[in-house]
Amino acid sequence: MSKKDDTASGNMTNDFEDVVELGKQMEKMQDEQELNEDGYIQDPVQYDNEVKKKK
């Protein structure tokens, strides 16, 4: 059983190594403008739900 398999804290991260890894993943994520430049759109379901909440 690996370290990741026996984790049950319910938190997004369990230690600083996880925080560093998530930070690296987030740095690689594209924003809306970058997605548009590559011919993609942001998740429309998520976007539509956010617009409905604001109304």
Protein backbone atom coordinates (compact mmCIF):
# COMPACT_ATOMS: atom_id res chain seq x y z
CA MET A 1 0.00 0.00 0.00
CA SER A 2 1.48 3.33 -1.01
CA LYS A 3 1.36 6.56 0.95
CA LYS A 4 -1.40 7.89 -1.32
CA ASP A 5 -3.57 4.77 -0.84
CA ASP A 6 -3.81 4.96 2.95
CA THR A 7 -4.63 8.69 3.18
CA ALA A 8 -7.95 9.45 4.81
CA SER A 9 -7.62 12.95 6.18
CA GLY A 10 -10.32 14.45 3.96
CA ASN A 11 -8.09 17.41 3.20
CA MET A 12 -7.06 18.49 -0.28
CA THR A 13 -3.42 17.94 0.67
CA ASN A 14 -1.79 15.83 3.35
CA ASP A 15 1.68 17.29 3.50
CA PHE A 16 3.90 19.98 2.02
CA GLU A 17 5.00 17.70 -0.84
CA ASP A 18 1.38 17.53 -1.99
CA VAL A 19 1.09 21.32 -1.78
CA VAL A 20 4.18 21.71 -3.96
CA GLU A 21 2.85 19.18 -6.49
CA LEU A 22 -0.54 20.90 -6.69
CA GLY A 23 1.21 24.24 -7.17
CA LYS A 24 3.14 22.83 -10.13
CA GLN A 25 -0.07 21.49 -11.66
CA MET A 26 -1.83 24.83 -11.23
CA GLU A 27 1.05 26.73 -12.85
CA LYS A 28 0.62 24.55 -15.96
CA MET A 29 -3.13 25.15 -16.19
CA GLN A 30 -4.26 27.44 -18.97
CA ASP A 31 -6.44 30.45 -18.30
CA GLU A 32 -9.48 31.34 -20.41
CA GLN A 33 -7.48 33.51 -22.84
CA GLU A 34 -4.89 30.76 -23.44
CA LEU A 35 -7.65 28.20 -23.99
CA ASN A 36 -9.31 30.50 -26.55
CA GLU A 37 -6.01 30.97 -28.37
CA ASP A 38 -5.66 27.19 -28.65
CA GLY A 39 -9.24 26.82 -29.93
CA TYR A 40 -10.77 25.56 -26.68
CA ILE A 41 -13.45 27.02 -24.43
CA GLN A 42 -13.76 26.83 -20.67
CA ASP A 43 -16.09 24.26 -19.16
CA PRO A 44 -19.50 25.59 -20.29
CA VAL A 45 -21.48 23.72 -17.63
CA GLN A 46 -19.41 25.20 -14.84
CA TYR A 47 -19.57 28.65 -16.45
CA ASP A 48 -23.35 28.49 -16.92
CA ASN A 49 -23.86 27.49 -13.29
CA GLU A 50 -21.76 30.43 -12.08
CA VAL A 51 -23.75 32.88 -14.23
CA LYS A 52 -27.04 31.53 -12.87
CA LYS A 53 -25.82 31.92 -9.28
CA LYS A 54 -24.95 35.59 -9.86
CA LYS A 55 -28.41 36.44 -11.22
